[in-house]
Amino acid sequence: MTEHAESPIGTYLAVFVTLLVMTALTTWVAFHDWGALNTPIALAIAVFKGSLVVWFFMHVRYSARLTQIVVVSGFFWLLILFSFTLSDYLSRGMLPFPGK
C-alpha cells in the first residue's frame, strides 16, 4: 500500500475559511447590479471555489501527475464547451431571422 501525503489541518481550515469568504462574496455580488459582468463574476468565483475543492479536498494536489493532467484536461474541455456555447449565443443576433 502506498503512502499518501496529507495536508496539515491548518491548510484544510484555511481552505474552508476561504470557501466561506468566497460564498459570502458570491452572495454580496448577487445583490448588486454589475450589468453585463454579473455572469462572468459569478462564474469566476465558482471556478475559483471549485478549483479549491478539487485541488485540496479531492487530493489532486498530492495525486499522480497523470491524475493532475486529466483534471486540467477536464477544465480545458469545459472551457472549450463554454466558448462554443457563448459563440453561438452571442452570434444569434448577427444573422437576419428568416421570414422577417
PDB file of N, CA and C in Angstrom:
ATOM      1  N   MET A   1       0.840  -1.168   0.000  1.00  0.00           N
ATOM      2  CA  MET A   1       0.000   0.000   0.000  1.00  0.00           C
ATOM      3  C   MET A   1       0.890   1.238   0.000  1.00  0.00           C
ATOM      4  N   THR A   2       0.527   2.223  -0.827  1.00  0.00           N
ATOM      5  CA  THR A   2       1.347   3.422  -0.936  1.00  0.00           C
ATOM      6  C   THR A   2       0.929   4.465   0.103  1.00  0.00           C
ATOM      7  N   GLU A   3       1.900   5.251   0.491  1.00  0.00           N
ATOM      8  CA  GLU A   3       1.646   6.333   1.440  1.00  0.00           C
ATOM      9  C   GLU A   3       1.119   7.550   0.694  1.00  0.00           C
ATOM     10  N   HIS A   4       0.145   8.197   1.287  1.00  0.00           N
ATOM     11  CA  HIS A   4      -0.396   9.420   0.707  1.00  0.00           C
ATOM     12  C   HIS A   4       0.040  10.599   1.561  1.00  0.00           C
ATOM     13  N   ALA A   5       0.510  11.637   0.905  1.00  0.00           N
ATOM     14  CA  ALA A   5       0.870  12.849   1.633  1.00  0.00           C
ATOM     15  C   ALA A   5      -0.411  13.530   2.103  1.00  0.00           C
ATOM     16  N   GLU A   6      -0.392  14.027   3.312  1.00  0.00           N
ATOM     17  CA  GLU A   6      -1.561  14.697   3.854  1.00  0.00           C
ATOM     18  C   GLU A   6      -1.233  16.146   4.145  1.00  0.00           C
ATOM     19  N   SER A   7      -2.203  16.997   3.923  1.00  0.00           N
ATOM     20  CA  SER A   7      -2.043  18.403   4.256  1.00  0.00           C
ATOM     21  C   SER A   7      -2.237  18.578   5.754  1.00  0.00           C
ATOM     22  N   PRO A   8      -1.560  19.538   6.339  1.00  0.00           N
ATOM     23  CA  PRO A   8      -1.806  19.824   7.748  1.00  0.00           C
ATOM     24  C   PRO A   8      -3.221  20.370   7.948  1.00  0.00           C
ATOM     25  N   ILE A   9      -3.738  20.214   9.142  1.00  0.00           N
ATOM     26  CA  ILE A   9      -5.106  20.654   9.435  1.00  0.00           C
ATOM     27  C   ILE A   9      -5.267  22.149   9.178  1.00  0.00           C
ATOM     28  N   GLY A  10      -4.196  22.909   9.355  1.00  0.00           N
ATOM     29  CA  GLY A  10      -4.253  24.344   9.087  1.00  0.00           C
ATOM     30  C   GLY A  10      -4.578  24.663   7.641  1.00  0.00           C
ATOM     31  N   THR A  11      -4.087  23.842   6.737  1.00  0.00           N
ATOM     32  CA  THR A  11      -4.374  24.040   5.315  1.00  0.00           C
ATOM     33  C   THR A  11      -5.854  23.827   5.039  1.00  0.00           C
ATOM     34  N   TYR A  12      -6.419  22.762   5.615  1.00  0.00           N
ATOM     35  CA  TYR A  12      -7.846  22.493   5.430  1.00  0.00           C
ATOM     36  C   TYR A  12      -8.692  23.611   6.028  1.00  0.00           C
ATOM     37  N   LEU A  13      -8.293  24.110   7.178  1.00  0.00           N
ATOM     38  CA  LEU A  13      -9.037  25.204   7.804  1.00  0.00           C
ATOM     39  C   LEU A  13      -8.936  26.486   6.971  1.00  0.00           C
ATOM     40  N   ALA A  14      -7.746  26.754   6.434  1.00  0.00           N
ATOM     41  CA  ALA A  14      -7.578  27.937   5.589  1.00  0.00           C
ATOM     42  C   ALA A  14      -8.432  27.837   4.320  1.00  0.00           C
ATOM     43  N   VAL A  15      -8.463  26.657   3.712  1.00  0.00           N
ATOM     44  CA  VAL A  15      -9.295  26.464   2.518  1.00  0.00           C
ATOM     45  C   VAL A  15     -10.768  26.597   2.876  1.00  0.00           C
ATOM     46  N   PHE A  16     -11.167  26.046   4.019  1.00  0.00           N
ATOM     47  CA  PHE A  16     -12.552  26.132   4.463  1.00  0.00           C
ATOM     48  C   PHE A  16     -12.961  27.588   4.694  1.00  0.00           C
ATOM     49  N   VAL A  17     -12.114  28.344   5.367  1.00  0.00           N
ATOM     50  CA  VAL A  17     -12.418  29.761   5.610  1.00  0.00           C
ATOM     51  C   VAL A  17     -12.464  30.527   4.288  1.00  0.00           C
ATOM     52  N   THR A  18     -11.564  30.214   3.373  1.00  0.00           N
ATOM     53  CA  THR A  18     -11.575  30.856   2.059  1.00  0.00           C
ATOM     54  C   THR A  18     -12.870  30.554   1.324  1.00  0.00           C
ATOM     55  N   LEU A  19     -13.334  29.312   1.398  1.00  0.00           N
ATOM     56  CA  LEU A  19     -14.602  28.951   0.756  1.00  0.00           C
ATOM     57  C   LEU A  19     -15.767  29.699   1.389  1.00  0.00           C
ATOM     58  N   LEU A  20     -15.744  29.859   2.705  1.00  0.00           N
ATOM     59  CA  LEU A  20     -16.804  30.633   3.367  1.00  0.00           C
ATOM     60  C   LEU A  20     -16.787  32.095   2.931  1.00  0.00           C
ATOM     61  N   VAL A  21     -15.595  32.671   2.853  1.00  0.00           N
ATOM     62  CA  VAL A  21     -15.476  34.063   2.417  1.00  0.00           C
ATOM     63  C   VAL A  21     -15.945  34.206   0.973  1.00  0.00           C
ATOM     64  N   MET A  22     -15.568  33.262   0.126  1.00  0.00           N
ATOM     65  CA  MET A  22     -15.990  33.324  -1.269  1.00  0.00           C
ATOM     66  C   MET A  22     -17.497  33.130  -1.411  1.00  0.00           C
ATOM     67  N   THR A  23     -18.104  32.329  -0.542  1.00  0.00           N
ATOM     68  CA  THR A  23     -19.558  32.174  -0.556  1.00  0.00           C
ATOM     69  C   THR A  23     -20.231  33.475  -0.149  1.00  0.00           C
ATOM     70  N   ALA A  24     -19.680  34.144   0.868  1.00  0.00           N
ATOM     71  CA  ALA A  24     -20.210  35.457   1.264  1.00  0.00           C
ATOM     72  C   ALA A  24     -20.041  36.463   0.124  1.00  0.00           C
ATOM     73  N   LEU A  25     -18.904  36.407  -0.558  1.00  0.00           N
ATOM     74  CA  LEU A  25     -18.669  37.290  -1.696  1.00  0.00           C
ATOM     75  C   LEU A  25     -19.666  37.009  -2.819  1.00  0.00           C
ATOM     76  N   THR A  26     -19.952  35.745  -3.049  1.00  0.00           N
ATOM     77  CA  THR A  26     -20.948  35.365  -4.060  1.00  0.00           C
ATOM     78  C   THR A  26     -22.305  35.972  -3.722  1.00  0.00           C
ATOM     79  N   THR A  27     -22.691  35.870  -2.457  1.00  0.00           N
ATOM     80  CA  THR A  27     -23.970  36.431  -2.027  1.00  0.00           C
ATOM     81  C   THR A  27     -23.974  37.948  -2.173  1.00  0.00           C
ATOM     82  N   TRP A  28     -22.891  38.593  -1.784  1.00  0.00           N
ATOM     83  CA  TRP A  28     -22.803  40.051  -1.893  1.00  0.00           C
ATOM     84  C   TRP A  28     -22.888  40.494  -3.356  1.00  0.00           C
ATOM     85  N   VAL A  29     -22.166  39.784  -4.232  1.00  0.00           N
ATOM     86  CA  VAL A  29     -22.171  40.128  -5.658  1.00  0.00           C
ATOM     87  C   VAL A  29     -23.562  39.937  -6.252  1.00  0.00           C
ATOM     88  N   ALA A  30     -24.291  38.921  -5.790  1.00  0.00           N
ATOM     89  CA  ALA A  30     -25.618  38.637  -6.341  1.00  0.00           C
ATOM     90  C   ALA A  30     -26.614  39.750  -6.050  1.00  0.00           C
ATOM     91  N   PHE A  31     -26.405  40.494  -4.976  1.00  0.00           N
ATOM     92  CA  PHE A  31     -27.343  41.551  -4.611  1.00  0.00           C
ATOM     93  C   PHE A  31     -26.958  42.915  -5.181  1.00  0.00           C
ATOM     94  N   HIS A  32     -25.953  42.972  -6.024  1.00  0.00           N
ATOM     95  CA  HIS A  32     -25.558  44.211  -6.674  1.00  0.00           C
ATOM     96  C   HIS A  32     -25.671  44.044  -8.187  1.00  0.00           C
ATOM     97  N   ASP A  33     -25.993  45.123  -8.857  1.00  0.00           N
ATOM     98  CA  ASP A  33     -26.132  45.076 -10.311  1.00  0.00           C
ATOM     99  C   ASP A  33     -24.801  45.458 -10.954  1.00  0.00           C
ATOM    100  N   TRP A  34     -24.194  44.506 -11.610  1.00  0.00           N
ATOM    101  CA  TRP A  34     -22.913  44.716 -12.276  1.00  0.00           C
ATOM    102  C   TRP A  34     -23.089  44.774 -13.794  1.00  0.00           C
ATOM    103  N   GLY A  35     -24.314  44.854 -14.232  1.00  0.00           N
ATOM    104  CA  GLY A  35     -24.593  44.936 -15.665  1.00  0.00           C
ATOM    105  C   GLY A  35     -24.245  43.636 -16.368  1.00  0.00           C
ATOM    106  N   ALA A  36     -23.486  43.767 -17.439  1.00  0.00           N
ATOM    107  CA  ALA A  36     -23.113  42.592 -18.229  1.00  0.00           C
ATOM    108  C   ALA A  36     -22.081  41.723 -17.529  1.00  0.00           C
ATOM    109  N   LEU A  37     -21.502  42.218 -16.439  1.00  0.00           N
ATOM    110  CA  LEU A  37     -20.473  41.446 -15.730  1.00  0.00           C
ATOM    111  C   LEU A  37     -21.039  40.507 -14.668  1.00  0.00           C
ATOM    112  N   ASN A  38     -22.355  40.481 -14.485  1.00  0.00           N
ATOM    113  CA  ASN A  38     -22.946  39.598 -13.467  1.00  0.00           C
ATOM    114  C   ASN A  38     -22.529  38.139 -13.656  1.00  0.00           C
ATOM    115  N   THR A  39     -22.717  37.620 -14.830  1.00  0.00           N
ATOM    116  CA  THR A  39     -22.400  36.214 -15.086  1.00  0.00           C
ATOM    117  C   THR A  39     -20.906  35.931 -15.042  1.00  0.00           C
ATOM    118  N   PRO A  40     -20.056  36.742 -15.687  1.00  0.00           N
ATOM    119  CA  PRO A  40     -18.615  36.455 -15.590  1.00  0.00           C
ATOM    120  C   PRO A  40     -18.076  36.503 -14.155  1.00  0.00           C
ATOM    121  N   ILE A  41     -18.558  37.430 -13.350  1.00  0.00           N
ATOM    122  CA  ILE A  41     -18.100  37.496 -11.963  1.00  0.00           C
ATOM    123  C   ILE A  41     -18.533  36.253 -11.204  1.00  0.00           C
ATOM    124  N   ALA A  42     -19.796  35.864 -11.374  1.00  0.00           N
ATOM    125  CA  ALA A  42     -20.295  34.668 -10.690  1.00  0.00           C
ATOM    126  C   ALA A  42     -19.537  33.419 -11.142  1.00  0.00           C
ATOM    127  N   LEU A  43     -19.261  33.312 -12.430  1.00  0.00           N
ATOM    128  CA  LEU A  43     -18.519  32.158 -12.937  1.00  0.00           C
ATOM    129  C   LEU A  43     -17.084  32.132 -12.429  1.00  0.00           C
ATOM    130  N   ALA A  44     -16.454  33.292 -12.353  1.00  0.00           N
ATOM    131  CA  ALA A  44     -15.074  33.352 -11.853  1.00  0.00           C
ATOM    132  C   ALA A  44     -15.003  32.899 -10.397  1.00  0.00           C
ATOM    133  N   ILE A  45     -15.946  33.348  -9.590  1.00  0.00           N
ATOM    134  CA  ILE A  45     -15.976  32.926  -8.184  1.00  0.00           C
ATOM    135  C   ILE A  45     -16.237  31.430  -8.088  1.00  0.00           C
ATOM    136  N   ALA A  46     -17.164  30.931  -8.884  1.00  0.00           N
ATOM    137  CA  ALA A  46     -17.496  29.498  -8.855  1.00  0.00           C
ATOM    138  C   ALA A  46     -16.312  28.640  -9.299  1.00  0.00           C
ATOM    139  N   VAL A  47     -15.599  29.080 -10.320  1.00  0.00           N
ATOM    140  CA  VAL A  47     -14.432  28.326 -10.790  1.00  0.00           C
ATOM    141  C   VAL A  47     -13.348  28.308  -9.723  1.00  0.00           C
ATOM    142  N   PHE A  48     -13.149  29.444  -9.067  1.00  0.00           N
ATOM    143  CA  PHE A  48     -12.146  29.504  -8.001  1.00  0.00           C
ATOM    144  C   PHE A  48     -12.507  28.568  -6.852  1.00  0.00           C
ATOM    145  N   LYS A  49     -13.765  28.601  -6.429  1.00  0.00           N
ATOM    146  CA  LYS A  49     -14.196  27.726  -5.334  1.00  0.00           C
ATOM    147  C   LYS A  49     -14.112  26.251  -5.742  1.00  0.00           C
ATOM    148  N   GLY A  50     -14.528  25.945  -6.948  1.00  0.00           N
ATOM    149  CA  GLY A  50     -14.439  24.564  -7.424  1.00  0.00           C
ATOM    150  C   GLY A  50     -13.010  24.078  -7.524  1.00  0.00           C
ATOM    151  N   SER A  51     -12.127  24.961  -7.959  1.00  0.00           N
ATOM    152  CA  SER A  51     -10.709  24.597  -8.054  1.00  0.00           C
ATOM    153  C   SER A  51     -10.119  24.298  -6.682  1.00  0.00           C
ATOM    154  N   LEU A  52     -10.487  25.094  -5.677  1.00  0.00           N
ATOM    155  CA  LEU A  52     -10.010  24.821  -4.320  1.00  0.00           C
ATOM    156  C   LEU A  52     -10.484  23.458  -3.826  1.00  0.00           C
ATOM    157  N   VAL A  53     -11.746  23.162  -4.083  1.00  0.00           N
ATOM    158  CA  VAL A  53     -12.294  21.875  -3.639  1.00  0.00           C
ATOM    159  C   VAL A  53     -11.576  20.722  -4.325  1.00  0.00           C
ATOM    160  N   VAL A  54     -11.399  20.823  -5.628  1.00  0.00           N
ATOM    161  CA  VAL A  54     -10.733  19.744  -6.372  1.00  0.00           C
ATOM    162  C   VAL A  54      -9.278  19.609  -5.926  1.00  0.00           C
ATOM    163  N   TRP A  55      -8.582  20.734  -5.801  1.00  0.00           N
ATOM    164  CA  TRP A  55      -7.155  20.715  -5.507  1.00  0.00           C
ATOM    165  C   TRP A  55      -6.854  20.172  -4.111  1.00  0.00           C
ATOM    166  N   PHE A  56      -7.620  20.611  -3.115  1.00  0.00           N
ATOM    167  CA  PHE A  56      -7.305  20.230  -1.740  1.00  0.00           C
ATOM    168  C   PHE A  56      -8.173  19.094  -1.216  1.00  0.00           C
ATOM    169  N   PHE A  57      -9.505  19.235  -1.281  1.00  0.00           N
ATOM    170  CA  PHE A  57     -10.372  18.239  -0.666  1.00  0.00           C
ATOM    171  C   PHE A  57     -10.458  16.940  -1.463  1.00  0.00           C
ATOM    172  N   MET A  58     -10.220  17.011  -2.759  1.00  0.00           N
ATOM    173  CA  MET A  58     -10.200  15.790  -3.558  1.00  0.00           C
ATOM    174  C   MET A  58      -8.773  15.276  -3.738  1.00  0.00           C
ATOM    175  N   HIS A  59      -7.812  15.924  -3.096  1.00  0.00           N
ATOM    176  CA  HIS A  59      -6.418  15.495  -3.018  1.00  0.00           C
ATOM    177  C   HIS A  59      -5.717  15.396  -4.366  1.00  0.00           C
ATOM    178  N   VAL A  60      -6.135  16.212  -5.309  1.00  0.00           N
ATOM    179  CA  VAL A  60      -5.456  16.221  -6.611  1.00  0.00           C
ATOM    180  C   VAL A  60      -4.043  16.784  -6.458  1.00  0.00           C
ATOM    181  N   ARG A  61      -3.864  17.635  -5.474  1.00  0.00           N
ATOM    182  CA  ARG A  61      -2.545  18.230  -5.244  1.00  0.00           C
ATOM    183  C   ARG A  61      -1.482  17.162  -5.015  1.00  0.00           C
ATOM    184  N   TYR A  62      -1.836  16.087  -4.319  1.00  0.00           N
ATOM    185  CA  TYR A  62      -0.872  15.040  -3.991  1.00  0.00           C
ATOM    186  C   TYR A  62      -1.034  13.790  -4.852  1.00  0.00           C
ATOM    187  N   SER A  63      -1.858  13.876  -5.876  1.00  0.00           N
ATOM    188  CA  SER A  63      -2.080  12.722  -6.743  1.00  0.00           C
ATOM    189  C   SER A  63      -0.949  12.592  -7.757  1.00  0.00           C
ATOM    190  N   ALA A  64      -1.012  11.502  -8.492  1.00  0.00           N
ATOM    191  CA  ALA A  64      -0.020  11.259  -9.535  1.00  0.00           C
ATOM    192  C   ALA A  64      -0.134  12.319 -10.632  1.00  0.00           C
ATOM    193  N   ARG A  65       0.943  12.497 -11.344  1.00  0.00           N
ATOM    194  CA  ARG A  65       0.993  13.503 -12.411  1.00  0.00           C
ATOM    195  C   ARG A  65      -0.090  13.246 -13.459  1.00  0.00           C
ATOM    196  N   LEU A  66      -0.362  11.998 -13.775  1.00  0.00           N
ATOM    197  CA  LEU A  66      -1.381  11.672 -14.761  1.00  0.00           C
ATOM    198  C   LEU A  66      -2.759  12.135 -14.297  1.00  0.00           C
ATOM    199  N   THR A  67      -3.055  11.980 -13.021  1.00  0.00           N
ATOM    200  CA  THR A  67      -4.337  12.436 -12.478  1.00  0.00           C
ATOM    201  C   THR A  67      -4.457  13.949 -12.612  1.00  0.00           C
ATOM    202  N   GLN A  68      -3.388  14.660 -12.318  1.00  0.00           N
ATOM    203  CA  GLN A  68      -3.404  16.115 -12.455  1.00  0.00           C
ATOM    204  C   GLN A  68      -3.625  16.531 -13.899  1.00  0.00           C
ATOM    205  N   ILE A  69      -3.011  15.820 -14.839  1.00  0.00           N
ATOM    206  CA  ILE A  69      -3.193  16.129 -16.256  1.00  0.00           C
ATOM    207  C   ILE A  69      -4.633  15.886 -16.680  1.00  0.00           C
ATOM    208  N   VAL A  70      -5.236  14.816 -16.183  1.00  0.00           N
ATOM    209  CA  VAL A  70      -6.631  14.509 -16.520  1.00  0.00           C
ATOM    210  C   VAL A  70      -7.560  15.601 -15.976  1.00  0.00           C
ATOM    211  N   VAL A  71      -7.313  16.055 -14.759  1.00  0.00           N
ATOM    212  CA  VAL A  71      -8.148  17.107 -14.170  1.00  0.00           C
ATOM    213  C   VAL A  71      -8.001  18.411 -14.952  1.00  0.00           C
ATOM    214  N   VAL A  72      -6.783  18.796 -15.278  1.00  0.00           N
ATOM    215  CA  VAL A  72      -6.568  20.023 -16.055  1.00  0.00           C
ATOM    216  C   VAL A  72      -7.192  19.881 -17.438  1.00  0.00           C
ATOM    217  N   SER A  73      -7.095  18.713 -18.032  1.00  0.00           N
ATOM    218  CA  SER A  73      -7.718  18.476 -19.337  1.00  0.00           C
ATOM    219  C   SER A  73      -9.232  18.619 -19.265  1.00  0.00           C
ATOM    220  N   GLY A  74      -9.815  18.162 -18.173  1.00  0.00           N
ATOM    221  CA  GLY A  74     -11.262  18.307 -17.983  1.00  0.00           C
ATOM    222  C   GLY A  74     -11.674  19.768 -17.922  1.00  0.00           C
ATOM    223  N   PHE A  75     -10.911  20.589 -17.190  1.00  0.00           N
ATOM    224  CA  PHE A  75     -11.205  22.017 -17.143  1.00  0.00           C
ATOM    225  C   PHE A  75     -11.009  22.670 -18.510  1.00  0.00           C
ATOM    226  N   PHE A  76      -9.974  22.256 -19.226  1.00  0.00           N
ATOM    227  CA  PHE A  76      -9.740  22.793 -20.562  1.00  0.00           C
ATOM    228  C   PHE A  76     -10.899  22.448 -21.492  1.00  0.00           C
ATOM    229  N   TRP A  77     -11.377  21.217 -21.425  1.00  0.00           N
ATOM    230  CA  TRP A  77     -12.507  20.782 -22.238  1.00  0.00           C
ATOM    231  C   TRP A  77     -13.757  21.585 -21.886  1.00  0.00           C
ATOM    232  N   LEU A  78     -13.964  21.860 -20.595  1.00  0.00           N
ATOM    233  CA  LEU A  78     -15.092  22.677 -20.161  1.00  0.00           C
ATOM    234  C   LEU A  78     -15.001  24.082 -20.757  1.00  0.00           C
ATOM    235  N   LEU A  79     -13.806  24.658 -20.789  1.00  0.00           N
ATOM    236  CA  LEU A  79     -13.626  25.972 -21.409  1.00  0.00           C
ATOM    237  C   LEU A  79     -13.957  25.942 -22.903  1.00  0.00           C
ATOM    238  N   ILE A  80     -13.583  24.873 -23.564  1.00  0.00           N
ATOM    239  CA  ILE A  80     -13.919  24.735 -24.987  1.00  0.00           C
ATOM    240  C   ILE A  80     -15.436  24.691 -25.167  1.00  0.00           C
ATOM    241  N   LEU A  81     -16.117  23.911 -24.336  1.00  0.00           N
ATOM    242  CA  LEU A  81     -17.575  23.816 -24.446  1.00  0.00           C
ATOM    243  C   LEU A  81     -18.239  25.156 -24.142  1.00  0.00           C
ATOM    244  N   PHE A  82     -17.744  25.872 -23.131  1.00  0.00           N
ATOM    245  CA  PHE A  82     -18.278  27.194 -22.833  1.00  0.00           C
ATOM    246  C   PHE A  82     -18.062  28.152 -24.003  1.00  0.00           C
ATOM    247  N   SER A  83     -16.895  28.092 -24.631  1.00  0.00           N
ATOM    248  CA  SER A  83     -16.620  29.013 -25.737  1.00  0.00           C
ATOM    249  C   SER A  83     -17.538  28.734 -26.928  1.00  0.00           C
ATOM    250  N   PHE A  84     -17.806  27.472 -27.222  1.00  0.00           N
ATOM    251  CA  PHE A  84     -18.739  27.144 -28.309  1.00  0.00           C
ATOM    252  C   PHE A  84     -20.148  27.619 -27.977  1.00  0.00           C
ATOM    253  N   THR A  85     -20.566  27.403 -26.738  1.00  0.00           N
ATOM    254  CA  THR A  85     -21.901  27.832 -26.331  1.00  0.00           C
ATOM    255  C   THR A  85     -22.026  29.345 -26.396  1.00  0.00           C
ATOM    256  N   LEU A  86     -21.028  30.059 -25.875  1.00  0.00           N
ATOM    257  CA  LEU A  86     -21.089  31.518 -25.898  1.00  0.00           C
ATOM    258  C   LEU A  86     -20.984  32.076 -27.309  1.00  0.00           C
ATOM    259  N   SER A  87     -20.197  31.435 -28.172  1.00  0.00           N
ATOM    260  CA  SER A  87     -20.094  31.933 -29.544  1.00  0.00           C
ATOM    261  C   SER A  87     -21.435  31.788 -30.258  1.00  0.00           C
ATOM    262  N   ASP A  88     -22.168  30.707 -29.979  1.00  0.00           N
ATOM    263  CA  ASP A  88     -23.496  30.543 -30.561  1.00  0.00           C
ATOM    264  C   ASP A  88     -24.458  31.583 -29.983  1.00  0.00           C
ATOM    265  N   TYR A  89     -24.447  31.724 -28.686  1.00  0.00           N
ATOM    266  CA  TYR A  89     -25.377  32.642 -28.026  1.00  0.00           C
ATOM    267  C   TYR A  89     -25.126  34.089 -28.436  1.00  0.00           C
ATOM    268  N   LEU A  90     -23.870  34.497 -28.487  1.00  0.00           N
ATOM    269  CA  LEU A  90     -23.552  35.884 -28.797  1.00  0.00           C
ATOM    270  C   LEU A  90     -23.713  36.224 -30.276  1.00  0.00           C
ATOM    271  N   SER A  91     -23.727  35.220 -31.147  1.00  0.00           N
ATOM    272  CA  SER A  91     -23.839  35.493 -32.582  1.00  0.00           C
ATOM    273  C   SER A  91     -25.262  35.332 -33.111  1.00  0.00           C
ATOM    274  N   ARG A  92     -26.223  35.061 -32.262  1.00  0.00           N
ATOM    275  CA  ARG A  92     -27.587  34.832 -32.741  1.00  0.00           C
ATOM    276  C   ARG A  92     -28.212  36.070 -33.373  1.00  0.00           C
ATOM    277  N   GLY A  93     -27.864  37.232 -32.927  1.00  0.00           N
ATOM    278  CA  GLY A  93     -28.461  38.440 -33.499  1.00  0.00           C
ATOM    279  C   GLY A  93     -27.746  38.947 -34.732  1.00  0.00           C
ATOM    280  N   MET A  94     -26.681  38.304 -35.141  1.00  0.00           N
ATOM    281  CA  MET A  94     -25.900  38.783 -36.276  1.00  0.00           C
ATOM    282  C   MET A  94     -26.545  38.452 -37.628  1.00  0.00           C
ATOM    283  N   LEU A  95     -27.295  37.365 -37.690  1.00  0.00           N
ATOM    284  CA  LEU A  95     -27.941  36.976 -38.934  1.00  0.00           C
ATOM    285  C   LEU A  95     -29.398  37.381 -38.899  1.00  0.00           C
ATOM    286  N   PRO A  96     -29.915  37.811 -40.040  1.00  0.00           N
ATOM    287  CA  PRO A  96     -31.338  38.180 -40.048  1.00  0.00           C
ATOM    288  C   PRO A  96     -32.194  36.934 -39.879  1.00  0.00           C
ATOM    289  N   PHE A  97     -33.286  37.092 -39.180  1.00  0.00           N
ATOM    290  CA  PHE A  97     -34.226  35.985 -38.961  1.00  0.00           C
ATOM    291  C   PHE A  97     -34.983  35.726 -40.243  1.00  0.00           C
ATOM    292  N   PRO A  98     -35.036  34.467 -40.721  1.00  0.00           N
ATOM    293  CA  PRO A  98     -35.750  34.183 -41.973  1.00  0.00           C
ATOM    294  C   PRO A  98     -37.247  34.481 -41.813  1.00  0.00           C
ATOM    295  N   GLY A  99     -37.802  35.113 -42.805  1.00  0.00           N
ATOM    296  CA  GLY A  99     -39.224  35.387 -42.799  1.00  0.00           C
ATOM    297  C   GLY A  99     -39.576  36.769 -42.291  1.00  0.00           C
ATOM    298  N   LYS A 100     -38.575  37.552 -41.900  1.00  0.00           N
ATOM    299  CA  LYS A 100     -38.857  38.920 -41.442  1.00  0.00           C
ATOM    300  C   LYS A 100     -38.582  39.915 -42.523  1.00  0.00           C
TER     301      LYS A 100
END
